C-alpha atoms as a PDB file:
ATOM      1  CA  MET A   1       0.000   0.000   0.000  1.00  0.00           C
ATOM      2  CA  SER A   2       1.366   3.460  -0.867  1.00  0.00           C
ATOM      3  CA  GLU A   3       2.008   6.093   1.767  1.00  0.00           C
ATOM      4  CA  PHE A   4      -1.037   8.239   2.548  1.00  0.00           C
ATOM      5  CA  ARG A   5      -0.200  11.930   2.053  1.00  0.00           C
ATOM      6  CA  PRO A   6      -3.124  14.039   3.269  1.00  0.00           C
ATOM      7  CA  GLU A   7      -3.891  17.353   1.610  1.00  0.00           C
ATOM      8  CA  ILE A   8      -3.020  19.951   4.233  1.00  0.00           C
ATOM      9  CA  SER A   9      -3.268  23.140   2.172  1.00  0.00           C
ATOM     10  CA  HIS A  10      -7.015  23.466   2.776  1.00  0.00           C
ATOM     11  CA  TYR A  11      -6.711  24.232   6.481  1.00  0.00           C
ATOM     12  CA  THR A  12      -6.621  27.625   8.214  1.00  0.00           C
ATOM     13  CA  TYR A  13      -3.178  28.515   9.584  1.00  0.00           C
ATOM     14  CA  ARG A  14      -1.929  31.365  11.700  1.00  0.00           C
ATOM     15  CA  VAL A  15       1.643  32.224  12.676  1.00  0.00           C
ATOM     16  CA  THR A  16       2.188  34.698  15.495  1.00  0.00           C
ATOM     17  CA  TRP A  17       5.044  35.789  17.731  1.00  0.00           C
ATOM     18  CA  SER A  18       5.047  34.297  21.240  1.00  0.00           C
ATOM     19  CA  ALA A  19       6.644  36.714  23.678  1.00  0.00           C
ATOM     20  CA  ASP A  20       6.615  34.009  26.367  1.00  0.00           C
ATOM     21  CA  ASP A  21       8.535  31.532  24.199  1.00  0.00           C
ATOM     22  CA  GLN A  22      10.512  34.110  22.185  1.00  0.00           C
ATOM     23  CA  GLU A  23       9.640  32.172  19.016  1.00  0.00           C
ATOM     24  CA  PHE A  24       6.986  32.116  16.343  1.00  0.00           C
ATOM     25  CA  VAL A  25       4.066  29.788  16.980  1.00  0.00           C
ATOM     26  CA  ALA A  26       2.020  28.248  14.189  1.00  0.00           C
ATOM     27  CA  THR A  27      -1.537  27.090  14.873  1.00  0.00           C
ATOM     28  CA  CYS A  28      -4.353  25.546  12.847  1.00  0.00           C
ATOM     29  CA  ALA A  29      -7.976  26.578  13.430  1.00  0.00           C
ATOM     30  CA  GLU A  30      -9.298  23.100  12.594  1.00  0.00           C
ATOM     31  CA  PHE A  31      -6.875  21.427  15.057  1.00  0.00           C
ATOM     32  CA  PRO A  32      -6.671  23.882  17.972  1.00  0.00           C
ATOM     33  CA  SER A  33      -4.690  21.532  20.225  1.00  0.00           C
ATOM     34  CA  LEU A  34      -1.748  21.448  17.782  1.00  0.00           C
ATOM     35  CA  SER A  35       0.975  24.088  17.545  1.00  0.00           C
ATOM     36  CA  TRP A  36       4.608  24.376  16.457  1.00  0.00           C
ATOM     37  CA  LEU A  37       7.311  26.742  17.711  1.00  0.00           C
ATOM     38  CA  ALA A  38      10.278  27.847  15.605  1.00  0.00           C
ATOM     39  CA  THR A  39      12.667  30.750  15.202  1.00  0.00           C
ATOM     40  CA  SER A  40      11.139  31.818  11.868  1.00  0.00           C
ATOM     41  CA  GLN A  41       7.579  32.104  10.597  1.00  0.00           C
ATOM     42  CA  ILE A  42       8.255  29.729   7.705  1.00  0.00           C
ATOM     43  CA  GLU A  43       9.845  27.069   9.935  1.00  0.00           C
ATOM     44  CA  ALA A  44       6.902  27.289  12.354  1.00  0.00           C
ATOM     45  CA  LEU A  45       4.388  26.834   9.534  1.00  0.00           C
ATOM     46  CA  GLN A  46       6.346  24.012   7.893  1.00  0.00           C
ATOM     47  CA  GLY A  47       6.759  22.201  11.209  1.00  0.00           C
ATOM     48  CA  LEU A  48       3.054  22.417  11.954  1.00  0.00           C
ATOM     49  CA  GLN A  49       2.118  21.243   8.455  1.00  0.00           C
ATOM     50  CA  GLU A  50       4.384  18.185   8.722  1.00  0.00           C
ATOM     51  CA  MET A  51       2.953  17.329  12.135  1.00  0.00           C
ATOM     52  CA  LEU A  52      -0.557  17.769  10.742  1.00  0.00           C
ATOM     53  CA  ARG A  53       0.224  15.347   7.882  1.00  0.00           C
ATOM     54  CA  GLU A  54       1.264  12.746  10.453  1.00  0.00           C
ATOM     55  CA  VAL A  55      -1.784  13.341  12.659  1.00  0.00           C
ATOM     56  CA  ILE A  56      -4.232  13.091   9.756  1.00  0.00           C
ATOM     57  CA  ALA A  57      -2.553   9.954   8.397  1.00  0.00           C
ATOM     58  CA  ASP A  58      -2.701   8.396  11.879  1.00  0.00           C
ATOM     59  CA  MET A  59      -6.388   9.317  12.211  1.00  0.00           C
ATOM     60  CA  ALA A  60      -7.140   7.712   8.839  1.00  0.00           C
ATOM     61  CA  GLU A  61      -5.252   4.554   9.817  1.00  0.00           C
ATOM     62  CA  GLN A  62      -7.106   4.338  13.138  1.00  0.00           C
ATOM     63  CA  GLU A  63     -10.426   4.771  11.361  1.00  0.00           C
ATOM     64  CA  LEU A  64      -9.582   1.916   8.987  1.00  0.00           C
ATOM     65  CA  ALA A  65      -8.521  -0.274  11.910  1.00  0.00           C
ATOM     66  CA  ILE A  66     -11.830   0.370  13.670  1.00  0.00           C
ATOM     67  CA  HIS A  67     -13.838  -0.551  10.558  1.00  0.00           C
ATOM     68  CA  ALA A  68     -11.757  -3.719  10.088  1.00  0.00           C
ATOM     69  CA  ALA A  69     -12.296  -4.747  13.709  1.00  0.00           C
ATOM     70  CA  GLU A  70     -16.043  -4.111  13.426  1.00  0.00           C
ATOM     71  CA  GLU A  71     -16.137  -6.496  10.464  1.00  0.00           C
ATOM     72  CA  GLY A  72     -13.944  -9.083  12.204  1.00  0.00           C
ATOM     73  CA  MET A  73     -11.080  -8.712   9.734  1.00  0.00           C
ATOM     74  CA  SER A  74      -7.415  -7.830   9.917  1.00  0.00           C
ATOM     75  CA  LEU A  75      -6.516  -4.382   8.640  1.00  0.00           C
ATOM     76  CA  ASN A  76      -4.773  -5.937   5.619  1.00  0.00           C
ATOM     77  CA  GLN A  77      -7.842  -8.037   4.748  1.00  0.00           C
ATOM     78  CA  TYR A  78     -10.103  -5.011   5.095  1.00  0.00           C
ATOM     79  CA  VAL A  79      -7.920  -2.793   2.900  1.00  0.00           C
ATOM     80  CA  LEU A  80      -7.598  -5.502   0.234  1.00  0.00           C
ATOM     81  CA  ARG A  81     -11.359  -5.943   0.195  1.00  0.00           C
ATOM     82  CA  LYS A  82     -11.922  -2.195  -0.156  1.00  0.00           C
ATOM     83  CA  LEU A  83      -9.321  -1.902  -2.927  1.00  0.00           C
ATOM     84  CA  SER A  84     -10.774  -4.812  -4.891  1.00  0.00           C
ATOM     85  CA  ALA A  85     -14.250  -3.272  -4.655  1.00  0.00           C
ATOM     86  CA  ALA A  86     -13.055   0.018  -6.123  1.00  0.00           C
END
């Protein structure tokens, strides 16, 4: 199975200066519990976007695992069945 690369450009980002941390902090409106600190605005945004890719991919994997378990199948069996139905 190929690596899942979620589309992260459709989210709402904000990069601000944190006086407390003395770094820029990037946040995402759709995932308010996530943030990334860095010394530059670009590094803060890029760090958050990479973390968001990982979080979304993990969420998708967990969702597939739940569906597989509900149907009494291994994750591999479930994915193969879904791919062959497509």
